[in-house]
C-alpha atoms as a PDB file:
ATOM      1  CA  MET A   1      24.500  57.907  11.923  1.00  0.00           C
ATOM      2  CA  THR A   2      27.108  55.530  10.560  1.00  0.00           C
ATOM      3  CA  ARG A   3      25.599  53.099   8.235  1.00  0.00           C
ATOM      4  CA  PRO A   4      25.312  49.747   9.205  1.00  0.00           C
ATOM      5  CA  SER A   5      27.471  47.125   7.254  1.00  0.00           C
ATOM      6  CA  LEU A   6      26.410  44.407   4.925  1.00  0.00           C
ATOM      7  CA  GLN A   7      27.576  41.756   7.457  1.00  0.00           C
ATOM      8  CA  ASP A   8      25.248  43.357  10.210  1.00  0.00           C
ATOM      9  CA  LEU A   9      22.369  43.794   8.192  1.00  0.00           C
ATOM     10  CA  THR A  10      22.697  40.141   6.874  1.00  0.00           C
ATOM     11  CA  ALA A  11      22.818  39.216  10.486  1.00  0.00           C
ATOM     12  CA  PHE A  12      19.680  41.159  11.084  1.00  0.00           C
ATOM     13  CA  VAL A  13      17.721  39.474   8.265  1.00  0.00           C
ATOM     14  CA  THR A  14      18.875  35.909   9.210  1.00  0.00           C
ATOM     15  CA  VAL A  15      17.895  35.851  12.689  1.00  0.00           C
ATOM     16  CA  ALA A  16      14.704  37.919  11.896  1.00  0.00           C
ATOM     17  CA  SER A  17      13.873  35.285   9.249  1.00  0.00           C
ATOM     18  CA  ARG A  18      14.781  32.525  11.505  1.00  0.00           C
ATOM     19  CA  ARG A  19      13.104  34.358  15.297  1.00  0.00           C
ATOM     20  CA  SER A  20      16.163  32.377  16.631  1.00  0.00           C
ATOM     21  CA  PHE A  21      19.802  33.291  17.217  1.00  0.00           C
ATOM     22  CA  ARG A  22      21.052  29.624  17.685  1.00  0.00           C
ATOM     23  CA  GLY A  23      19.166  28.971  14.193  1.00  0.00           C
ATOM     24  CA  ALA A  24      20.621  31.784  12.523  1.00  0.00           C
ATOM     25  CA  ALA A  25      23.868  31.342  13.674  1.00  0.00           C
ATOM     26  CA  ASP A  26      24.106  27.959  12.534  1.00  0.00           C
ATOM     27  CA  GLU A  27      23.131  29.146   8.905  1.00  0.00           C
ATOM     28  CA  LEU A  28      25.641  31.856   9.222  1.00  0.00           C
ATOM     29  CA  GLY A  29      28.379  29.836  10.901  1.00  0.00           C
ATOM     30  CA  THR A  30      29.254  31.809  14.089  1.00  0.00           C
ATOM     31  CA  ALA A  31      28.158  31.843  17.167  1.00  0.00           C
ATOM     32  CA  PRO A  32      24.777  32.825  18.904  1.00  0.00           C
ATOM     33  CA  SER A  33      26.661  35.598  21.384  1.00  0.00           C
ATOM     34  CA  THR A  34      28.562  37.288  18.216  1.00  0.00           C
ATOM     35  CA  LEU A  35      24.683  37.823  16.754  1.00  0.00           C
ATOM     36  CA  SER A  36      23.332  38.732  19.984  1.00  0.00           C
ATOM     37  CA  HIS A  37      26.352  41.462  20.098  1.00  0.00           C
ATOM     38  CA  ALA A  38      26.128  42.602  16.382  1.00  0.00           C
ATOM     39  CA  ILE A  39      22.027  42.997  16.550  1.00  0.00           C
ATOM     40  CA  ARG A  40      22.517  45.403  19.601  1.00  0.00           C
ATOM     41  CA  ALA A  41      24.869  47.047  18.273  1.00  0.00           C
ATOM     42  CA  LEU A  42      22.940  47.389  15.316  1.00  0.00           C
ATOM     43  CA  GLU A  43      20.133  48.681  17.131  1.00  0.00           C
ATOM     44  CA  GLU A  44      22.555  51.225  18.885  1.00  0.00           C
ATOM     45  CA  ARG A  45      23.848  52.768  15.426  1.00  0.00           C
ATOM     46  CA  MET A  46      20.270  53.153  14.195  1.00  0.00           C
ATOM     47  CA  GLY A  47      18.690  54.349  17.374  1.00  0.00           C
ATOM     48  CA  VAL A  48      15.608  51.932  17.541  1.00  0.00           C
ATOM     49  CA  ARG A  49      14.648  48.512  18.715  1.00  0.00           C
ATOM     50  CA  LEU A  50      14.711  45.766  15.723  1.00  0.00           C
ATOM     51  CA  LEU A  51      13.984  42.621  17.939  1.00  0.00           C
ATOM     52  CA  ASN A  52      12.047  41.715  20.983  1.00  0.00           C
ATOM     53  CA  ARG A  53      13.564  39.180  22.869  1.00  0.00           C
ATOM     54  CA  THR A  54      12.191  36.850  26.046  1.00  0.00           C
ATOM     55  CA  THR A  55      14.195  33.424  27.169  1.00  0.00           C
ATOM     56  CA  ARG A  56      12.418  31.704  24.399  1.00  0.00           C
ATOM     57  CA  SER A  57      11.589  33.582  21.391  1.00  0.00           C
ATOM     58  CA  VAL A  58      13.020  36.356  19.015  1.00  0.00           C
ATOM     59  CA  SER A  59      10.475  38.777  16.742  1.00  0.00           C
ATOM     60  CA  PRO A  60      10.818  41.730  14.900  1.00  0.00           C
ATOM     61  CA  THR A  61       9.047  44.936  16.312  1.00  0.00           C
ATOM     62  CA  GLU A  62       7.520  47.088  14.150  1.00  0.00           C
ATOM     63  CA  ALA A  63      10.511  48.830  12.904  1.00  0.00           C
ATOM     64  CA  GLY A  64      12.438  45.773  12.612  1.00  0.00           C
ATOM     65  CA  LEU A  65      10.019  44.357  10.635  1.00  0.00           C
ATOM     66  CA  GLU A  66       9.878  47.697   8.523  1.00  0.00           C
ATOM     67  CA  LEU A  67      13.310  47.270   8.305  1.00  0.00           C
ATOM     68  CA  LEU A  68      13.141  43.149   7.156  1.00  0.00           C
ATOM     69  CA  ASP A  69      10.663  43.881   4.443  1.00  0.00           C
ATOM     70  CA  ARG A  70      12.638  46.423   2.731  1.00  0.00           C
ATOM     71  CA  LEU A  71      16.436  44.502   3.046  1.00  0.00           C
ATOM     72  CA  ARG A  72      14.847  41.252   2.084  1.00  0.00           C
ATOM     73  CA  PRO A  73      14.674  42.445  -1.764  1.00  0.00           C
ATOM     74  CA  VAL A  74      17.970  44.412  -1.973  1.00  0.00           C
ATOM     75  CA  LEU A  75      19.561  41.028  -0.023  1.00  0.00           C
ATOM     76  CA  ALA A  76      17.977  39.005  -2.905  1.00  0.00           C
ATOM     77  CA  GLY A  77      19.122  41.818  -5.623  1.00  0.00           C
ATOM     78  CA  LEU A  78      22.774  41.273  -4.092  1.00  0.00           C
ATOM     79  CA  ASP A  79      22.399  37.750  -4.478  1.00  0.00           C
ATOM     80  CA  GLN A  80      21.605  37.628  -7.949  1.00  0.00           C
ATOM     81  CA  ALA A  81      24.176  40.314  -9.127  1.00  0.00           C
ATOM     82  CA  LEU A  82      26.867  37.836  -7.380  1.00  0.00           C
ATOM     83  CA  ASP A  83      25.547  34.966  -8.473  1.00  0.00           C
ATOM     84  CA  GLY A  84      25.717  36.309 -12.444  1.00  0.00           C
ATOM     85  CA  VAL A  85      29.519  37.395 -12.023  1.00  0.00           C
ATOM     86  CA  ALA A  86      29.977  33.673 -10.474  1.00  0.00           C
ATOM     87  CA  ALA A  87      28.869  32.290 -13.615  1.00  0.00           C
ATOM     88  CA  PHE A  88      32.228  33.320 -15.094  1.00  0.00           C
ATOM     89  CA  ARG A  89      34.105  30.863 -13.461  1.00  0.00           C
ATOM     90  CA  GLY A  90      32.986  28.309 -15.208  1.00  0.00           C
ATOM     91  CA  GLY A  91      30.047  26.279 -13.375  1.00  0.00           C
ATOM     92  CA  PRO A  92      27.533  26.313 -10.570  1.00  0.00           C
ATOM     93  CA  ALA A  93      29.321  25.768  -6.892  1.00  0.00           C
ATOM     94  CA  GLY A  94      28.371  26.071  -3.262  1.00  0.00           C
ATOM     95  CA  LYS A  95      26.228  24.207  -1.115  1.00  0.00           C
ATOM     96  CA  VAL A  96      22.298  23.182  -1.630  1.00  0.00           C
ATOM     97  CA  ARG A  97      20.606  22.349   1.493  1.00  0.00           C
ATOM     98  CA  ILE A  98      17.827  19.908   1.031  1.00  0.00           C
ATOM     99  CA  ASN A  99      15.269  18.527   3.441  1.00  0.00           C
ATOM    100  CA  ALA A 100      13.392  15.350   2.529  1.00  0.00           C
ATOM    101  CA  PRO A 101      11.636  12.355   4.516  1.00  0.00           C
ATOM    102  CA  ARG A 102      13.762   8.470   3.904  1.00  0.00           C
ATOM    103  CA  LEU A 103      11.628   8.211   0.903  1.00  0.00           C
ATOM    104  CA  GLY A 104      12.436  11.047  -0.774  1.00  0.00           C
ATOM    105  CA  ALA A 105      16.118  10.738   0.120  1.00  0.00           C
ATOM    106  CA  ALA A 106      15.877   7.590  -1.416  1.00  0.00           C
ATOM    107  CA  LEU A 107      14.507   8.619  -4.682  1.00  0.00           C
ATOM    108  CA  LEU A 108      16.914  11.003  -5.289  1.00  0.00           C
ATOM    109  CA  MET A 109      19.738   8.284  -4.482  1.00  0.00           C
ATOM    110  CA  ARG A 110      18.430   6.480  -7.096  1.00  0.00           C
ATOM    111  CA  SER A 111      19.478   8.837 -10.089  1.00  0.00           C
ATOM    112  CA  VAL A 112      19.819  12.951  -8.920  1.00  0.00           C
ATOM    113  CA  LEU A 113      22.287  12.439  -6.667  1.00  0.00           C
ATOM    114  CA  PRO A 114      24.450  10.506  -8.726  1.00  0.00           C
ATOM    115  CA  THR A 115      23.996  12.692 -11.841  1.00  0.00           C
ATOM    116  CA  MET A 116      24.766  15.870  -9.872  1.00  0.00           C
ATOM    117  CA  ALA A 117      27.968  14.345  -8.324  1.00  0.00           C
ATOM    118  CA  GLU A 118      29.247  13.584 -12.216  1.00  0.00           C
ATOM    119  CA  ARG A 119      27.310  17.080 -13.728  1.00  0.00           C
ATOM    120  CA  PHE A 120      28.161  19.896 -10.939  1.00  0.00           C
ATOM    121  CA  PRO A 121      31.280  18.409  -8.927  1.00  0.00           C
ATOM    122  CA  GLU A 122      31.580  21.760  -7.704  1.00  0.00           C
ATOM    123  CA  VAL A 123      28.046  21.607  -5.819  1.00  0.00           C
ATOM    124  CA  VAL A 124      27.623  19.981  -2.529  1.00  0.00           C
ATOM    125  CA  VAL A 125      24.264  18.397  -1.712  1.00  0.00           C
ATOM    126  CA  ASP A 126      23.873  18.666   2.007  1.00  0.00           C
ATOM    127  CA  LEU A 127      20.533  16.560   2.548  1.00  0.00           C
ATOM    128  CA  VAL A 128      18.918  16.163   5.746  1.00  0.00           C
ATOM    129  CA  VAL A 129      16.418  13.445   6.217  1.00  0.00           C
ATOM    130  CA  GLU A 130      13.642  13.649   8.577  1.00  0.00           C
ATOM    131  CA  GLY A 131       9.950  12.511   9.081  1.00  0.00           C
ATOM    132  CA  LYS A 132       8.076  15.718   9.724  1.00  0.00           C
ATOM    133  CA  LEU A 133       7.163  18.465   7.420  1.00  0.00           C
ATOM    134  CA  VAL A 134       9.337  21.771   8.021  1.00  0.00           C
ATOM    135  CA  ASP A 135       9.111  25.194   7.199  1.00  0.00           C
ATOM    136  CA  ILE A 136      12.229  24.927   4.993  1.00  0.00           C
ATOM    137  CA  VAL A 137      12.811  28.831   5.042  1.00  0.00           C
ATOM    138  CA  ALA A 138      12.802  28.886   8.892  1.00  0.00           C
ATOM    139  CA  GLY A 139      15.005  26.013   8.886  1.00  0.00           C
ATOM    140  CA  GLY A 140      17.715  27.366   6.568  1.00  0.00           C
ATOM    141  CA  PHE A 141      16.627  24.994   3.386  1.00  0.00           C
ATOM    142  CA  ASP A 142      16.920  25.519   0.147  1.00  0.00           C
ATOM    143  CA  ALA A 143      14.320  22.845  -0.975  1.00  0.00           C
ATOM    144  CA  GLY A 144      12.654  20.327   0.491  1.00  0.00           C
ATOM    145  CA  ILE A 145      10.671  17.047  -0.741  1.00  0.00           C
ATOM    146  CA  ARG A 146       7.637  15.915  -0.109  1.00  0.00           C
ATOM    147  CA  LEU A 147       4.305  14.602  -1.504  1.00  0.00           C
ATOM    148  CA  ALA A 148       2.587  17.652  -3.713  1.00  0.00           C
ATOM    149  CA  ASP A 149      -0.377  17.581  -1.460  1.00  0.00           C
ATOM    150  CA  SER A 150       1.339  18.378   1.720  1.00  0.00           C
ATOM    151  CA  ILE A 151       3.470  21.206   0.061  1.00  0.00           C
ATOM    152  CA  PRO A 152       2.255  24.636   1.318  1.00  0.00           C
ATOM    153  CA  LYS A 153       0.740  26.720  -1.527  1.00  0.00           C
ATOM    154  CA  ASP A 154       3.236  29.712  -1.524  1.00  0.00           C
ATOM    155  CA  MET A 155       5.941  27.260  -2.837  1.00  0.00           C
ATOM    156  CA  ILE A 156       7.062  26.698  -6.225  1.00  0.00           C
ATOM    157  CA  ALA A 157       6.672  22.451  -6.534  1.00  0.00           C
ATOM    158  CA  LEU A 158       8.267  20.297  -9.491  1.00  0.00           C
ATOM    159  CA  PRO A 159       7.263  17.065  -9.518  1.00  0.00           C
ATOM    160  CA  PHE A 160       9.793  14.374 -10.237  1.00  0.00           C
ATOM    161  CA  ALA A 161      10.315  10.439 -10.226  1.00  0.00           C
ATOM    162  CA  GLY A 162       7.130   8.049 -11.113  1.00  0.00           C
ATOM    163  CA  PRO A 163       3.848   8.430  -9.159  1.00  0.00           C
ATOM    164  CA  VAL A 164       3.672   6.257  -5.203  1.00  0.00           C
ATOM    165  CA  SER A 165       0.948   4.272  -4.473  1.00  0.00           C
ATOM    166  CA  PHE A 166       0.827   3.023  -0.827  1.00  0.00           C
ATOM    167  CA  VAL A 167       0.253  -0.629  -0.416  1.00  0.00           C
ATOM    168  CA  CYS A 168      -0.340  -3.763   1.340  1.00  0.00           C
ATOM    169  CA  VAL A 169       2.396  -6.101   1.274  1.00  0.00           C
ATOM    170  CA  ALA A 170       3.359  -9.232   3.621  1.00  0.00           C
ATOM    171  CA  SER A 171       5.608 -12.444   3.157  1.00  0.00           C
ATOM    172  CA  PRO A 172       4.481 -15.692   1.841  1.00  0.00           C
ATOM    173  CA  ALA A 173       5.112 -17.424   5.278  1.00  0.00           C
ATOM    174  CA  TYR A 174       2.648 -15.167   6.709  1.00  0.00           C
ATOM    175  CA  LEU A 175       0.140 -15.722   4.122  1.00  0.00           C
ATOM    176  CA  ASP A 176       0.505 -19.368   4.500  1.00  0.00           C
ATOM    177  CA  ARG A 177      -0.061 -18.918   8.136  1.00  0.00           C
ATOM    178  CA  PHE A 178      -2.681 -16.794   8.574  1.00  0.00           C
ATOM    179  CA  GLY A 179      -4.558 -16.366   4.808  1.00  0.00           C
ATOM    180  CA  GLU A 180      -4.707 -13.237   2.298  1.00  0.00           C
ATOM    181  CA  PRO A 181      -7.478 -10.915   3.533  1.00  0.00           C
ATOM    182  CA  ALA A 182     -10.313 -10.100   0.377  1.00  0.00           C
ATOM    183  CA  ALA A 183     -11.420  -6.656   1.620  1.00  0.00           C
ATOM    184  CA  PRO A 184      -9.488  -3.713   3.918  1.00  0.00           C
ATOM    185  CA  GLU A 185     -12.084  -4.896   6.817  1.00  0.00           C
ATOM    186  CA  GLU A 186     -10.754  -7.960   7.152  1.00  0.00           C
ATOM    187  CA  LEU A 187      -7.419  -6.563   8.290  1.00  0.00           C
ATOM    188  CA  HIS A 188      -9.212  -6.338  11.692  1.00  0.00           C
ATOM    189  CA  ARG A 189      -8.162 -10.355  12.254  1.00  0.00           C
ATOM    190  CA  HIS A 190      -4.876  -9.671  11.126  1.00  0.00           C
ATOM    191  CA  ARG A 191      -1.183  -9.130  12.396  1.00  0.00           C
ATOM    192  CA  CYS A 192      -0.813  -5.090  10.914  1.00  0.00           C
ATOM    193  CA  ILE A 193       2.366  -3.462  11.484  1.00  0.00           C
ATOM    194  CA  GLY A 194       1.550  -0.142  12.651  1.00  0.00           C
ATOM    195  CA  HIS A 195       2.707   3.147  11.212  1.00  0.00           C
ATOM    196  CA  ARG A 196       3.965   6.373  13.427  1.00  0.00           C
ATOM    197  CA  VAL A 197       3.893   9.340  11.634  1.00  0.00           C
ATOM    198  CA  PRO A 198       6.275  12.081  13.285  1.00  0.00           C
ATOM    199  CA  SER A 199       3.419  13.734  15.133  1.00  0.00           C
ATOM    200  CA  GLY A 200       3.076  10.362  17.123  1.00  0.00           C
ATOM    201  CA  ARG A 201      -0.486   9.350  15.949  1.00  0.00           C
ATOM    202  CA  LEU A 202      -0.981   6.064  14.542  1.00  0.00           C
ATOM    203  CA  TYR A 203      -1.260   6.549  10.795  1.00  0.00           C
ATOM    204  CA  PRO A 204      -4.517   4.969   9.423  1.00  0.00           C
ATOM    205  CA  TRP A 205      -4.408   2.510   6.598  1.00  0.00           C
ATOM    206  CA  GLU A 206      -6.318   4.164   3.464  1.00  0.00           C
ATOM    207  CA  PHE A 207      -8.014   2.410   0.572  1.00  0.00           C
ATOM    208  CA  GLU A 208     -10.377   3.505  -2.281  1.00  0.00           C
ATOM    209  CA  ARG A 209     -12.821   1.374  -4.422  1.00  0.00           C
ATOM    210  CA  ALA A 210     -14.920   2.816  -7.222  1.00  0.00           C
ATOM    211  CA  GLY A 211     -14.741   6.198  -6.039  1.00  0.00           C
ATOM    212  CA  GLN A 212     -15.468   5.197  -2.237  1.00  0.00           C
ATOM    213  CA  PRO A 213     -12.417   5.827   0.712  1.00  0.00           C
ATOM    214  CA  LEU A 214     -11.795   4.166   3.325  1.00  0.00           C
ATOM    215  CA  SER A 215      -9.844   4.420   6.468  1.00  0.00           C
ATOM    216  CA  ILE A 216      -9.189   1.335   8.569  1.00  0.00           C
ATOM    217  CA  ASP A 217      -7.103   1.862  12.188  1.00  0.00           C
ATOM    218  CA  THR A 218      -5.077  -1.571  12.341  1.00  0.00           C
ATOM    219  CA  ARG A 219      -3.607  -3.808  15.125  1.00  0.00           C
ATOM    220  CA  GLY A 220      -0.776  -5.561  15.803  1.00  0.00           C
ATOM    221  CA  PRO A 221       2.695  -6.836  17.510  1.00  0.00           C
ATOM    222  CA  LEU A 222       4.498  -3.669  16.005  1.00  0.00           C
ATOM    223  CA  ILE A 223       4.514  -0.198  15.777  1.00  0.00           C
ATOM    224  CA  LEU A 224       7.396   1.528  13.590  1.00  0.00           C
ATOM    225  CA  ASP A 225       8.324   5.058  11.978  1.00  0.00           C
ATOM    226  CA  ASP A 226      10.389   3.973   9.397  1.00  0.00           C
ATOM    227  CA  GLU A 227       9.365   2.031   6.495  1.00  0.00           C
ATOM    228  CA  GLU A 228      12.434   0.238   5.471  1.00  0.00           C
ATOM    229  CA  LEU A 229      12.257  -1.466   9.169  1.00  0.00           C
ATOM    230  CA  MET A 230       8.122  -1.928   8.181  1.00  0.00           C
ATOM    231  CA  VAL A 231       9.293  -3.844   4.675  1.00  0.00           C
ATOM    232  CA  ASP A 232      11.831  -5.646   6.984  1.00  0.00           C
ATOM    233  CA  ALA A 233       9.076  -6.561   9.591  1.00  0.00           C
ATOM    234  CA  ALA A 234       7.198  -7.798   6.613  1.00  0.00           C
ATOM    235  CA  LEU A 235       9.701  -9.895   5.170  1.00  0.00           C
ATOM    236  CA  ALA A 236      10.547 -11.354   8.570  1.00  0.00           C
ATOM    237  CA  GLY A 237       6.924 -12.340   8.825  1.00  0.00           C
ATOM    238  CA  VAL A 238       5.978 -10.304  11.552  1.00  0.00           C
ATOM    239  CA  GLY A 239       2.718  -8.759   9.235  1.00  0.00           C
ATOM    240  CA  ILE A 240       0.925  -6.802   7.258  1.00  0.00           C
ATOM    241  CA  ALA A 241       2.990  -3.720   6.254  1.00  0.00           C
ATOM    242  CA  TYR A 242       1.247  -0.467   4.629  1.00  0.00           C
ATOM    243  CA  VAL A 243       4.198   1.507   2.411  1.00  0.00           C
ATOM    244  CA  ALA A 244       5.130   3.633  -0.428  1.00  0.00           C
ATOM    245  CA  SER A 245       5.436   1.396  -3.476  1.00  0.00           C
ATOM    246  CA  PRO A 246       9.068   2.501  -3.598  1.00  0.00           C
ATOM    247  CA  ALA A 247      10.107   1.335  -0.133  1.00  0.00           C
ATOM    248  CA  ALA A 248       8.720  -2.741  -1.107  1.00  0.00           C
ATOM    249  CA  GLU A 249       9.772  -2.260  -5.066  1.00  0.00           C
ATOM    250  CA  ALA A 250      12.800  -4.660  -4.706  1.00  0.00           C
ATOM    251  CA  ALA A 251      11.323  -7.612  -2.134  1.00  0.00           C
ATOM    252  CA  LEU A 252       8.379  -7.402  -4.774  1.00  0.00           C
ATOM    253  CA  LYS A 253       9.745  -7.761  -8.080  1.00  0.00           C
ATOM    254  CA  GLU A 254      12.084 -10.782  -6.138  1.00  0.00           C
ATOM    255  CA  GLY A 255       8.668 -12.557  -5.068  1.00  0.00           C
ATOM    256  CA  HIS A 256       9.900 -11.867  -1.355  1.00  0.00           C
ATOM    257  CA  LEU A 257       6.710  -9.948  -0.602  1.00  0.00           C
ATOM    258  CA  LEU A 258       3.261 -10.559  -1.865  1.00  0.00           C
ATOM    259  CA  ARG A 259       1.113  -7.378  -2.996  1.00  0.00           C
ATOM    260  CA  LEU A 260      -2.495  -7.423  -1.299  1.00  0.00           C
ATOM    261  CA  LEU A 261      -5.926  -5.656  -1.636  1.00  0.00           C
ATOM    262  CA  ALA A 262      -4.550  -4.349  -4.879  1.00  0.00           C
ATOM    263  CA  SER A 263      -7.868  -3.465  -6.139  1.00  0.00           C
ATOM    264  CA  TRP A 264      -8.544  -1.493  -3.438  1.00  0.00           C
ATOM    265  CA  THR A 265      -5.178   0.931  -3.772  1.00  0.00           C
ATOM    266  CA  PRO A 266      -6.065   4.335  -3.292  1.00  0.00           C
ATOM    267  CA  PRO A 267      -5.148   6.733  -6.419  1.00  0.00           C
ATOM    268  CA  PRO A 268      -0.810   7.085  -6.629  1.00  0.00           C
ATOM    269  CA  GLU A 269       0.721  10.525  -5.699  1.00  0.00           C
ATOM    270  CA  THR A 270       3.139  12.636  -6.992  1.00  0.00           C
ATOM    271  CA  VAL A 271       6.350  13.343  -5.050  1.00  0.00           C
ATOM    272  CA  ALA A 272       7.597  16.965  -5.791  1.00  0.00           C
ATOM    273  CA  VAL A 273      10.922  19.352  -5.324  1.00  0.00           C
ATOM    274  CA  TYR A 274       9.419  22.775  -3.783  1.00  0.00           C
ATOM    275  CA  TYR A 275      11.305  25.634  -2.785  1.00  0.00           C
ATOM    276  CA  PRO A 276      10.660  29.363  -2.015  1.00  0.00           C
ATOM    277  CA  GLY A 277       8.851  31.531  -5.031  1.00  0.00           C
ATOM    278  CA  HIS A 278       9.901  34.767  -3.480  1.00  0.00           C
ATOM    279  CA  ARG A 279      13.410  34.343  -3.426  1.00  0.00           C
ATOM    280  CA  ALA A 280      16.119  34.582  -6.136  1.00  0.00           C
ATOM    281  CA  VAL A 281      17.229  30.938  -7.311  1.00  0.00           C
ATOM    282  CA  PRO A 282      20.993  30.339  -6.374  1.00  0.00           C
ATOM    283  CA  PRO A 283      23.306  28.679  -8.926  1.00  0.00           C
ATOM    284  CA  ALA A 284      23.716  25.475  -6.468  1.00  0.00           C
ATOM    285  CA  LEU A 285      19.713  25.234  -6.777  1.00  0.00           C
ATOM    286  CA  ARG A 286      19.220  26.060 -10.142  1.00  0.00           C
ATOM    287  CA  ALA A 287      21.858  23.132 -11.069  1.00  0.00           C
ATOM    288  CA  PHE A 288      19.929  20.581  -9.068  1.00  0.00           C
ATOM    289  CA  LEU A 289      16.411  21.848 -10.143  1.00  0.00           C
ATOM    290  CA  ASP A 290      17.658  21.577 -13.602  1.00  0.00           C
ATOM    291  CA  VAL A 291      19.082  17.725 -12.888  1.00  0.00           C
ATOM    292  CA  VAL A 292      15.379  16.904 -11.044  1.00  0.00           C
ATOM    293  CA  LYS A 293      13.728  18.618 -14.421  1.00  0.00           C
ATOM    294  CA  ALA A 294      15.471  16.247 -16.677  1.00  0.00           C
ATOM    295  CA  GLN A 295      14.939  12.981 -14.507  1.00  0.00           C
ATOM    296  CA  ARG A 296      11.123  13.552 -15.258  1.00  0.00           C
END
């Protein structure tokens, strides 16, 4: 049997890991048809079927899983060897792909990304902003940013930035017109700006006092899925918004918004960068993580 090329084996690992020819093609910078042809040629060369294909999905066969499990550490070791040589070029280089919600992206923009550009000009940070929690491995990302409690347990999490609280805010004009709620239950008679999460459901407003949690389903004239727009709506006097504290920080400092129900604020949450622990950390990602650590 002719030994498969490294390119063909890499193509197989990428398709089998992503379970998608299109996703693997995007990661490798080639066409799905090219990958499909390469995998069929690999199967013919090895004399065994490696992938099950349907019109909607791709999954490894038993033989494919065996090959995948054996190839992953081999390719990871190869990456480490090449990265070790790359260190002699004089500094990290390449691309690091990060998935983050808008809040996480904004926190990165404040300090991490400017520092990256200054210290590691040969590293390109490819930042994809989306609200839903994605599988960063299947999505071809090097790392992600989320609230620590929502990060999968098999990931390595690195806290950064300050703790984030979720706060109720409203404009002085709104409060002059409708008054200030004294307790979360009074929100039912107020105009509240709804928060729709990526799954499509409305996010209940969560409070806590003396260790007792309280969840409120609010109503109002507007529903949004972007915290910056929620802050803008509150500034315009549309109603009360419930947002992560960094989103409203500037408006609160300038007095354009006022914080409500402060004694009912739930405990702050930690924002963290997370990445797979079973993979070798390439130099570009290592540089990014070093900058994140320095901001703590």
